[in-house]
Amino acid sequence: MTTTHTETQGDTLTTGRPDVRPDHGDHERFAHFVDRDKATEGTVLGTPVVALCGKVWVPSRDPKKYPVCPECQRLYELGPEGRMREWQDRASSGQD
């Protein structure tokens, strides 16, 4: 049996801002924390929203039917000041 590995190299730019590209990941499996007004706007107008965890999607489903995203829950529990500190720490250390 032969195994082939392909490696790619590229530059990564860390900006400290959330990745706001539409994501087709696990947002289908979780309910996320989003500003209520933004969620309503997103549902009515079909515009993408950004959750606390950084997920970006167009809301279209009843969030009560899904478990809460663990990362959104953790960030929500930190409160606004705690989230700001964490995001500033991430930005200064170059982590996502």
PDB file of N, CA and C in Angstrom:
ATOM      1  N   MET A   1       0.844  -1.171   0.000  1.00  0.00           N
ATOM      2  CA  MET A   1       0.000   0.000   0.000  1.00  0.00           C
ATOM      3  C   MET A   1       0.891   1.237   0.000  1.00  0.00           C
ATOM      4  N   THR A   2       0.605   2.169  -0.878  1.00  0.00           N
ATOM      5  CA  THR A   2       1.394   3.383  -1.012  1.00  0.00           C
ATOM      6  C   THR A   2       0.568   4.572  -0.541  1.00  0.00           C
ATOM      7  N   THR A   3       1.183   5.420   0.250  1.00  0.00           N
ATOM      8  CA  THR A   3       0.520   6.617   0.731  1.00  0.00           C
ATOM      9  C   THR A   3       1.190   7.827   0.116  1.00  0.00           C
ATOM     10  N   THR A   4       0.412   8.728  -0.406  1.00  0.00           N
ATOM     11  CA  THR A   4       0.938   9.943  -1.010  1.00  0.00           C
ATOM     12  C   THR A   4       0.521  11.129  -0.158  1.00  0.00           C
ATOM     13  N   HIS A   5       1.453  11.984   0.158  1.00  0.00           N
ATOM     14  CA  HIS A   5       1.178  13.191   0.921  1.00  0.00           C
ATOM     15  C   HIS A   5       1.446  14.398   0.036  1.00  0.00           C
ATOM     16  N   THR A   6       0.536  15.304   0.039  1.00  0.00           N
ATOM     17  CA  THR A   6       0.718  16.539  -0.717  1.00  0.00           C
ATOM     18  C   THR A   6       0.781  17.684   0.271  1.00  0.00           C
ATOM     19  N   GLU A   7       1.782  18.491   0.171  1.00  0.00           N
ATOM     20  CA  GLU A   7       1.921  19.643   1.045  1.00  0.00           C
ATOM     21  C   GLU A   7       1.809  20.910   0.226  1.00  0.00           C
ATOM     22  N   THR A   8       1.153  21.883   0.811  1.00  0.00           N
ATOM     23  CA  THR A   8       1.090  23.184   0.165  1.00  0.00           C
ATOM     24  C   THR A   8       1.628  24.210   1.131  1.00  0.00           C
ATOM     25  N   GLN A   9       2.196  25.235   0.591  1.00  0.00           N
ATOM     26  CA  GLN A   9       2.731  26.304   1.410  1.00  0.00           C
ATOM     27  C   GLN A   9       2.077  27.605   0.995  1.00  0.00           C
ATOM     28  N   GLY A  10       1.803  28.441   1.972  1.00  0.00           N
ATOM     29  CA  GLY A  10       1.209  29.733   1.660  1.00  0.00           C
ATOM     30  C   GLY A  10       1.384  30.672   2.826  1.00  0.00           C
ATOM     31  N   ASP A  11       1.118  31.902   2.580  1.00  0.00           N
ATOM     32  CA  ASP A  11       1.205  32.906   3.627  1.00  0.00           C
ATOM     33  C   ASP A  11      -0.145  33.051   4.303  1.00  0.00           C
ATOM     34  N   THR A  12      -0.126  33.233   5.598  1.00  0.00           N
ATOM     35  CA  THR A  12      -1.341  33.467   6.362  1.00  0.00           C
ATOM     36  C   THR A  12      -1.263  34.861   6.952  1.00  0.00           C
ATOM     37  N   LEU A  13      -2.295  35.634   6.740  1.00  0.00           N
ATOM     38  CA  LEU A  13      -2.373  36.980   7.273  1.00  0.00           C
ATOM     39  C   LEU A  13      -3.294  36.968   8.481  1.00  0.00           C
ATOM     40  N   THR A  14      -2.798  37.367   9.628  1.00  0.00           N
ATOM     41  CA  THR A  14      -3.603  37.446  10.836  1.00  0.00           C
ATOM     42  C   THR A  14      -3.917  38.903  11.093  1.00  0.00           C
ATOM     43  N   THR A  15      -5.218  39.218  11.119  1.00  0.00           N
ATOM     44  CA  THR A  15      -5.621  40.607  11.272  1.00  0.00           C
ATOM     45  C   THR A  15      -6.239  40.892  12.626  1.00  0.00           C
ATOM     46  N   GLY A  16      -6.597  39.848  13.397  1.00  0.00           N
ATOM     47  CA  GLY A  16      -7.285  40.074  14.659  1.00  0.00           C
ATOM     48  C   GLY A  16      -8.774  40.285  14.474  1.00  0.00           C
ATOM     49  N   ARG A  17      -9.241  40.263  13.227  1.00  0.00           N
ATOM     50  CA  ARG A  17     -10.670  40.400  12.943  1.00  0.00           C
ATOM     51  C   ARG A  17     -11.245  39.022  12.681  1.00  0.00           C
ATOM     52  N   PRO A  18     -12.555  38.845  12.945  1.00  0.00           N
ATOM     53  CA  PRO A  18     -13.148  37.536  12.655  1.00  0.00           C
ATOM     54  C   PRO A  18     -13.200  37.275  11.159  1.00  0.00           C
ATOM     55  N   ASP A  19     -13.172  36.012  10.800  1.00  0.00           N
ATOM     56  CA  ASP A  19     -13.309  35.599   9.411  1.00  0.00           C
ATOM     57  C   ASP A  19     -14.783  35.739   9.054  1.00  0.00           C
ATOM     58  N   VAL A  20     -15.125  36.663   8.175  1.00  0.00           N
ATOM     59  CA  VAL A  20     -16.519  36.920   7.868  1.00  0.00           C
ATOM     60  C   VAL A  20     -16.953  36.312   6.527  1.00  0.00           C
ATOM     61  N   ARG A  21     -16.171  35.370   6.040  1.00  0.00           N
ATOM     62  CA  ARG A  21     -16.603  34.668   4.839  1.00  0.00           C
ATOM     63  C   ARG A  21     -17.706  33.698   5.218  1.00  0.00           C
ATOM     64  N   PRO A  22     -18.717  33.515   4.347  1.00  0.00           N
ATOM     65  CA  PRO A  22     -19.764  32.540   4.662  1.00  0.00           C
ATOM     66  C   PRO A  22     -19.154  31.174   4.920  1.00  0.00           C
ATOM     67  N   ASP A  23     -19.634  30.508   5.934  1.00  0.00           N
ATOM     68  CA  ASP A  23     -19.085  29.236   6.360  1.00  0.00           C
ATOM     69  C   ASP A  23     -20.134  28.150   6.204  1.00  0.00           C
ATOM     70  N   HIS A  24     -19.721  27.012   5.694  1.00  0.00           N
ATOM     71  CA  HIS A  24     -20.652  25.907   5.529  1.00  0.00           C
ATOM     72  C   HIS A  24     -20.316  24.795   6.515  1.00  0.00           C
ATOM     73  N   GLY A  25     -19.813  25.161   7.680  1.00  0.00           N
ATOM     74  CA  GLY A  25     -19.406  24.191   8.692  1.00  0.00           C
ATOM     75  C   GLY A  25     -20.549  23.727   9.561  1.00  0.00           C
ATOM     76  N   ASP A  26     -20.325  23.722  10.853  1.00  0.00           N
ATOM     77  CA  ASP A  26     -21.284  23.122  11.780  1.00  0.00           C
ATOM     78  C   ASP A  26     -22.401  24.053  12.209  1.00  0.00           C
ATOM     79  N   HIS A  27     -22.541  25.240  11.570  1.00  0.00           N
ATOM     80  CA  HIS A  27     -23.618  26.139  11.976  1.00  0.00           C
ATOM     81  C   HIS A  27     -24.979  25.488  11.795  1.00  0.00           C
ATOM     82  N   GLU A  28     -25.054  24.475  10.951  1.00  0.00           N
ATOM     83  CA  GLU A  28     -26.308  23.755  10.751  1.00  0.00           C
ATOM     84  C   GLU A  28     -26.664  22.943  11.988  1.00  0.00           C
ATOM     85  N   ARG A  29     -25.690  22.624  12.817  1.00  0.00           N
ATOM     86  CA  ARG A  29     -25.922  21.766  13.972  1.00  0.00           C
ATOM     87  C   ARG A  29     -26.146  22.522  15.259  1.00  0.00           C
ATOM     88  N   PHE A  30     -25.849  23.820  15.300  1.00  0.00           N
ATOM     89  CA  PHE A  30     -25.931  24.582  16.535  1.00  0.00           C
ATOM     90  C   PHE A  30     -26.749  25.855  16.368  1.00  0.00           C
ATOM     91  N   ALA A  31     -27.270  26.313  17.490  1.00  0.00           N
ATOM     92  CA  ALA A  31     -27.846  27.659  17.572  1.00  0.00           C
ATOM     93  C   ALA A  31     -26.744  28.568  18.092  1.00  0.00           C
ATOM     94  N   HIS A  32     -26.563  29.719  17.457  1.00  0.00           N
ATOM     95  CA  HIS A  32     -25.480  30.628  17.809  1.00  0.00           C
ATOM     96  C   HIS A  32     -26.006  31.917  18.417  1.00  0.00           C
ATOM     97  N   PHE A  33     -25.157  32.587  19.205  1.00  0.00           N
ATOM     98  CA  PHE A  33     -25.494  33.879  19.785  1.00  0.00           C
ATOM     99  C   PHE A  33     -25.207  34.977  18.762  1.00  0.00           C
ATOM    100  N   VAL A  34     -26.248  35.742  18.428  1.00  0.00           N
ATOM    101  CA  VAL A  34     -26.166  36.840  17.470  1.00  0.00           C
ATOM    102  C   VAL A  34     -27.020  37.968  18.016  1.00  0.00           C
ATOM    103  N   ASP A  35     -26.640  39.198  17.745  1.00  0.00           N
ATOM    104  CA  ASP A  35     -27.465  40.340  18.117  1.00  0.00           C
ATOM    105  C   ASP A  35     -28.882  40.127  17.561  1.00  0.00           C
ATOM    106  N   ARG A  36     -29.883  40.294  18.410  1.00  0.00           N
ATOM    107  CA  ARG A  36     -31.269  40.017  18.034  1.00  0.00           C
ATOM    108  C   ARG A  36     -31.706  40.824  16.805  1.00  0.00           C
ATOM    109  N   ASP A  37     -31.365  42.112  16.775  1.00  0.00           N
ATOM    110  CA  ASP A  37     -31.751  42.944  15.630  1.00  0.00           C
ATOM    111  C   ASP A  37     -31.088  42.462  14.338  1.00  0.00           C
ATOM    112  N   LYS A  38     -29.827  42.072  14.438  1.00  0.00           N
ATOM    113  CA  LYS A  38     -29.116  41.565  13.259  1.00  0.00           C
ATOM    114  C   LYS A  38     -29.718  40.243  12.787  1.00  0.00           C
ATOM    115  N   ALA A  39     -30.109  39.380  13.737  1.00  0.00           N
ATOM    116  CA  ALA A  39     -30.714  38.106  13.376  1.00  0.00           C
ATOM    117  C   ALA A  39     -32.047  38.323  12.658  1.00  0.00           C
ATOM    118  N   THR A  40     -32.849  39.263  13.160  1.00  0.00           N
ATOM    119  CA  THR A  40     -34.128  39.574  12.514  1.00  0.00           C
ATOM    120  C   THR A  40     -33.890  40.119  11.114  1.00  0.00           C
ATOM    121  N   GLU A  41     -32.969  41.058  11.004  1.00  0.00           N
ATOM    122  CA  GLU A  41     -32.629  41.631   9.698  1.00  0.00           C
ATOM    123  C   GLU A  41     -32.142  40.552   8.742  1.00  0.00           C
ATOM    124  N   GLY A  42     -31.290  39.670   9.238  1.00  0.00           N
ATOM    125  CA  GLY A  42     -30.763  38.591   8.407  1.00  0.00           C
ATOM    126  C   GLY A  42     -31.845  37.651   7.920  1.00  0.00           C
ATOM    127  N   THR A  43     -32.796  37.356   8.792  1.00  0.00           N
ATOM    128  CA  THR A  43     -33.889  36.467   8.418  1.00  0.00           C
ATOM    129  C   THR A  43     -34.799  37.123   7.389  1.00  0.00           C
ATOM    130  N   VAL A  44     -35.124  38.385   7.594  1.00  0.00           N
ATOM    131  CA  VAL A  44     -36.051  39.091   6.704  1.00  0.00           C
ATOM    132  C   VAL A  44     -35.398  39.436   5.364  1.00  0.00           C
ATOM    133  N   LEU A  45     -34.186  39.977   5.417  1.00  0.00           N
ATOM    134  CA  LEU A  45     -33.534  40.467   4.200  1.00  0.00           C
ATOM    135  C   LEU A  45     -32.588  39.456   3.549  1.00  0.00           C
ATOM    136  N   GLY A  46     -32.277  38.374   4.268  1.00  0.00           N
ATOM    137  CA  GLY A  46     -31.363  37.381   3.717  1.00  0.00           C
ATOM    138  C   GLY A  46     -29.914  37.799   3.768  1.00  0.00           C
ATOM    139  N   THR A  47     -29.576  38.674   4.719  1.00  0.00           N
ATOM    140  CA  THR A  47     -28.185  39.121   4.853  1.00  0.00           C
ATOM    141  C   THR A  47     -27.448  38.258   5.879  1.00  0.00           C
ATOM    142  N   PRO A  48     -26.163  38.022   5.675  1.00  0.00           N
ATOM    143  CA  PRO A  48     -25.393  37.206   6.619  1.00  0.00           C
ATOM    144  C   PRO A  48     -25.243  37.893   7.975  1.00  0.00           C
ATOM    145  N   VAL A  49     -25.140  37.071   9.023  1.00  0.00           N
ATOM    146  CA  VAL A  49     -24.889  37.545  10.381  1.00  0.00           C
ATOM    147  C   VAL A  49     -23.619  36.880  10.892  1.00  0.00           C
ATOM    148  N   VAL A  50     -23.012  37.493  11.915  1.00  0.00           N
ATOM    149  CA  VAL A  50     -21.797  36.956  12.519  1.00  0.00           C
ATOM    150  C   VAL A  50     -22.099  36.613  13.969  1.00  0.00           C
ATOM    151  N   ALA A  51     -21.884  35.353  14.339  1.00  0.00           N
ATOM    152  CA  ALA A  51     -22.101  34.902  15.712  1.00  0.00           C
ATOM    153  C   ALA A  51     -20.897  35.272  16.577  1.00  0.00           C
ATOM    154  N   LEU A  52     -21.065  35.168  17.901  1.00  0.00           N
ATOM    155  CA  LEU A  52     -19.946  35.447  18.812  1.00  0.00           C
ATOM    156  C   LEU A  52     -18.735  34.583  18.487  1.00  0.00           C
ATOM    157  N   CYS A  53     -18.972  33.346  18.074  1.00  0.00           N
ATOM    158  CA  CYS A  53     -17.871  32.428  17.790  1.00  0.00           C
ATOM    159  C   CYS A  53     -17.209  32.702  16.445  1.00  0.00           C
ATOM    160  N   GLY A  54     -17.793  33.604  15.644  1.00  0.00           N
ATOM    161  CA  GLY A  54     -17.219  33.944  14.348  1.00  0.00           C
ATOM    162  C   GLY A  54     -17.914  33.294  13.170  1.00  0.00           C
ATOM    163  N   LYS A  55     -18.859  32.398  13.392  1.00  0.00           N
ATOM    164  CA  LYS A  55     -19.597  31.781  12.293  1.00  0.00           C
ATOM    165  C   LYS A  55     -20.384  32.838  11.543  1.00  0.00           C
ATOM    166  N   VAL A  56     -20.408  32.721  10.226  1.00  0.00           N
ATOM    167  CA  VAL A  56     -21.140  33.643   9.372  1.00  0.00           C
ATOM    168  C   VAL A  56     -22.123  32.818   8.552  1.00  0.00           C
ATOM    169  N   TRP A  57     -23.387  33.220   8.564  1.00  0.00           N
ATOM    170  CA  TRP A  57     -24.407  32.520   7.790  1.00  0.00           C
ATOM    171  C   TRP A  57     -25.645  33.397   7.683  1.00  0.00           C
ATOM    172  N   VAL A  58     -26.563  32.991   6.823  1.00  0.00           N
ATOM    173  CA  VAL A  58     -27.846  33.671   6.685  1.00  0.00           C
ATOM    174  C   VAL A  58     -28.857  32.870   7.507  1.00  0.00           C
ATOM    175  N   PRO A  59     -29.422  33.481   8.552  1.00  0.00           N
ATOM    176  CA  PRO A  59     -30.356  32.735   9.400  1.00  0.00           C
ATOM    177  C   PRO A  59     -31.635  32.362   8.640  1.00  0.00           C
ATOM    178  N   SER A  60     -32.068  31.120   8.835  1.00  0.00           N
ATOM    179  CA  SER A  60     -33.286  30.674   8.173  1.00  0.00           C
ATOM    180  C   SER A  60     -34.012  29.591   8.957  1.00  0.00           C
ATOM    181  N   ARG A  61     -33.446  29.139  10.065  1.00  0.00           N
ATOM    182  CA  ARG A  61     -34.037  28.044  10.830  1.00  0.00           C
ATOM    183  C   ARG A  61     -34.350  28.482  12.250  1.00  0.00           C
ATOM    184  N   ASP A  62     -35.240  27.763  12.892  1.00  0.00           N
ATOM    185  CA  ASP A  62     -35.616  28.039  14.272  1.00  0.00           C
ATOM    186  C   ASP A  62     -34.482  27.590  15.195  1.00  0.00           C
ATOM    187  N   PRO A  63     -33.779  28.529  15.845  1.00  0.00           N
ATOM    188  CA  PRO A  63     -32.636  28.148  16.683  1.00  0.00           C
ATOM    189  C   PRO A  63     -33.042  27.324  17.908  1.00  0.00           C
ATOM    190  N   LYS A  64     -34.292  27.373  18.306  1.00  0.00           N
ATOM    191  CA  LYS A  64     -34.743  26.607  19.473  1.00  0.00           C
ATOM    192  C   LYS A  64     -34.698  25.101  19.228  1.00  0.00           C
ATOM    193  N   LYS A  65     -34.565  24.695  17.992  1.00  0.00           N
ATOM    194  CA  LYS A  65     -34.524  23.270  17.645  1.00  0.00           C
ATOM    195  C   LYS A  65     -33.118  22.678  17.726  1.00  0.00           C
ATOM    196  N   TYR A  66     -32.128  23.515  18.066  1.00  0.00           N
ATOM    197  CA  TYR A  66     -30.734  23.069  18.043  1.00  0.00           C
ATOM    198  C   TYR A  66     -30.049  23.352  19.374  1.00  0.00           C
ATOM    199  N   PRO A  67     -29.033  22.567  19.724  1.00  0.00           N
ATOM    200  CA  PRO A  67     -28.260  22.874  20.934  1.00  0.00           C
ATOM    201  C   PRO A  67     -27.432  24.138  20.711  1.00  0.00           C
ATOM    202  N   VAL A  68     -27.109  24.810  21.797  1.00  0.00           N
ATOM    203  CA  VAL A  68     -26.327  26.050  21.722  1.00  0.00           C
ATOM    204  C   VAL A  68     -24.874  25.725  21.403  1.00  0.00           C
ATOM    205  N   CYS A  69     -24.290  26.518  20.535  1.00  0.00           N
ATOM    206  CA  CYS A  69     -22.881  26.394  20.177  1.00  0.00           C
ATOM    207  C   CYS A  69     -22.035  26.559  21.446  1.00  0.00           C
ATOM    208  N   PRO A  70     -21.178  25.588  21.762  1.00  0.00           N
ATOM    209  CA  PRO A  70     -20.370  25.690  22.983  1.00  0.00           C
ATOM    210  C   PRO A  70     -19.455  26.915  23.019  1.00  0.00           C
ATOM    211  N   GLU A  71     -18.885  27.293  21.894  1.00  0.00           N
ATOM    212  CA  GLU A  71     -17.994  28.459  21.868  1.00  0.00           C
ATOM    213  C   GLU A  71     -18.784  29.742  22.063  1.00  0.00           C
ATOM    214  N   CYS A  72     -19.947  29.857  21.427  1.00  0.00           N
ATOM    215  CA  CYS A  72     -20.801  31.027  21.648  1.00  0.00           C
ATOM    216  C   CYS A  72     -21.197  31.121  23.120  1.00  0.00           C
ATOM    217  N   GLN A  73     -21.567  29.995  23.721  1.00  0.00           N
ATOM    218  CA  GLN A  73     -21.969  29.977  25.129  1.00  0.00           C
ATOM    219  C   GLN A  73     -20.824  30.446  26.019  1.00  0.00           C
ATOM    220  N   ARG A  74     -19.626  29.923  25.758  1.00  0.00           N
ATOM    221  CA  ARG A  74     -18.452  30.294  26.557  1.00  0.00           C
ATOM    222  C   ARG A  74     -18.182  31.796  26.440  1.00  0.00           C
ATOM    223  N   LEU A  75     -18.208  32.306  25.225  1.00  0.00           N
ATOM    224  CA  LEU A  75     -17.944  33.725  25.012  1.00  0.00           C
ATOM    225  C   LEU A  75     -19.044  34.592  25.619  1.00  0.00           C
ATOM    226  N   TYR A  76     -20.285  34.168  25.518  1.00  0.00           N
ATOM    227  CA  TYR A  76     -21.398  34.914  26.109  1.00  0.00           C
ATOM    228  C   TYR A  76     -21.219  35.027  27.620  1.00  0.00           C
ATOM    229  N   GLU A  77     -20.817  33.920  28.249  1.00  0.00           N
ATOM    230  CA  GLU A  77     -20.642  33.900  29.700  1.00  0.00           C
ATOM    231  C   GLU A  77     -19.484  34.780  30.167  1.00  0.00           C
ATOM    232  N   LEU A  78     -18.542  35.072  29.284  1.00  0.00           N
ATOM    233  CA  LEU A  78     -17.442  35.976  29.639  1.00  0.00           C
ATOM    234  C   LEU A  78     -17.932  37.410  29.818  1.00  0.00           C
ATOM    235  N   GLY A  79     -19.051  37.740  29.184  1.00  0.00           N
ATOM    236  CA  GLY A  79     -19.562  39.103  29.231  1.00  0.00           C
ATOM    237  C   GLY A  79     -18.819  39.979  28.248  1.00  0.00           C
ATOM    238  N   PRO A  80     -19.339  41.191  28.002  1.00  0.00           N
ATOM    239  CA  PRO A  80     -18.708  42.069  27.006  1.00  0.00           C
ATOM    240  C   PRO A  80     -17.250  42.388  27.299  1.00  0.00           C
ATOM    241  N   GLU A  81     -16.928  42.680  28.559  1.00  0.00           N
ATOM    242  CA  GLU A  81     -15.541  43.028  28.892  1.00  0.00           C
ATOM    243  C   GLU A  81     -14.624  41.817  28.732  1.00  0.00           C
ATOM    244  N   GLY A  82     -15.092  40.659  29.164  1.00  0.00           N
ATOM    245  CA  GLY A  82     -14.292  39.440  29.030  1.00  0.00           C
ATOM    246  C   GLY A  82     -14.047  39.072  27.583  1.00  0.00           C
ATOM    247  N   ARG A  83     -15.082  39.226  26.746  1.00  0.00           N
ATOM    248  CA  ARG A  83     -14.910  38.946  25.315  1.00  0.00           C
ATOM    249  C   ARG A  83     -13.901  39.909  24.699  1.00  0.00           C
ATOM    250  N   MET A  84     -14.010  41.178  25.051  1.00  0.00           N
ATOM    251  CA  MET A  84     -13.089  42.175  24.495  1.00  0.00           C
ATOM    252  C   MET A  84     -11.652  41.834  24.886  1.00  0.00           C
ATOM    253  N   ARG A  85     -11.442  41.472  26.162  1.00  0.00           N
ATOM    254  CA  ARG A  85     -10.087  41.091  26.611  1.00  0.00           C
ATOM    255  C   ARG A  85      -9.582  39.887  25.826  1.00  0.00           C
ATOM    256  N   GLU A  86     -10.441  38.872  25.676  1.00  0.00           N
ATOM    257  CA  GLU A  86     -10.012  37.666  24.965  1.00  0.00           C
ATOM    258  C   GLU A  86      -9.673  37.975  23.516  1.00  0.00           C
ATOM    259  N   TRP A  87     -10.499  38.756  22.838  1.00  0.00           N
ATOM    260  CA  TRP A  87     -10.243  39.085  21.440  1.00  0.00           C
ATOM    261  C   TRP A  87      -8.993  39.940  21.305  1.00  0.00           C
ATOM    262  N   GLN A  88      -8.756  40.837  22.254  1.00  0.00           N
ATOM    263  CA  GLN A  88      -7.523  41.635  22.214  1.00  0.00           C
ATOM    264  C   GLN A  88      -6.300  40.748  22.448  1.00  0.00           C
ATOM    265  N   ASP A  89      -6.417  39.801  23.390  1.00  0.00           N
ATOM    266  CA  ASP A  89      -5.318  38.865  23.640  1.00  0.00           C
ATOM    267  C   ASP A  89      -5.026  38.031  22.396  1.00  0.00           C
ATOM    268  N   ARG A  90      -6.075  37.551  21.746  1.00  0.00           N
ATOM    269  CA  ARG A  90      -5.892  36.753  20.521  1.00  0.00           C
ATOM    270  C   ARG A  90      -5.201  37.579  19.446  1.00  0.00           C
ATOM    271  N   ALA A  91      -5.644  38.828  19.290  1.00  0.00           N
ATOM    272  CA  ALA A  91      -5.067  39.698  18.253  1.00  0.00           C
ATOM    273  C   ALA A  91      -3.587  39.977  18.522  1.00  0.00           C
ATOM    274  N   SER A  92      -3.258  40.194  19.801  1.00  0.00           N
ATOM    275  CA  SER A  92      -1.869  40.519  20.125  1.00  0.00           C
ATOM    276  C   SER A  92      -0.954  39.300  20.062  1.00  0.00           C
ATOM    277  N   SER A  93      -1.524  38.094  20.238  1.00  0.00           N
ATOM    278  CA  SER A  93      -0.691  36.894  20.190  1.00  0.00           C
ATOM    279  C   SER A  93      -0.708  36.226  18.821  1.00  0.00           C
ATOM    280  N   GLY A  94      -1.573  36.742  17.922  1.00  0.00           N
ATOM    281  CA  GLY A  94      -1.619  36.180  16.566  1.00  0.00           C
ATOM    282  C   GLY A  94      -2.418  34.899  16.470  1.00  0.00           C
ATOM    283  N   GLN A  95      -3.241  34.590  17.477  1.00  0.00           N
ATOM    284  CA  GLN A  95      -4.074  33.385  17.439  1.00  0.00           C
ATOM    285  C   GLN A  95      -5.413  33.710  16.814  1.00  0.00           C
ATOM    286  N   ASP A  96      -6.067  32.652  16.278  1.00  0.00           N
ATOM    287  CA  ASP A  96      -7.435  32.796  15.778  1.00  0.00           C
ATOM    288  C   ASP A  96      -8.414  32.466  16.860  1.00  0.00           C
TER     289      ASP A  96
END
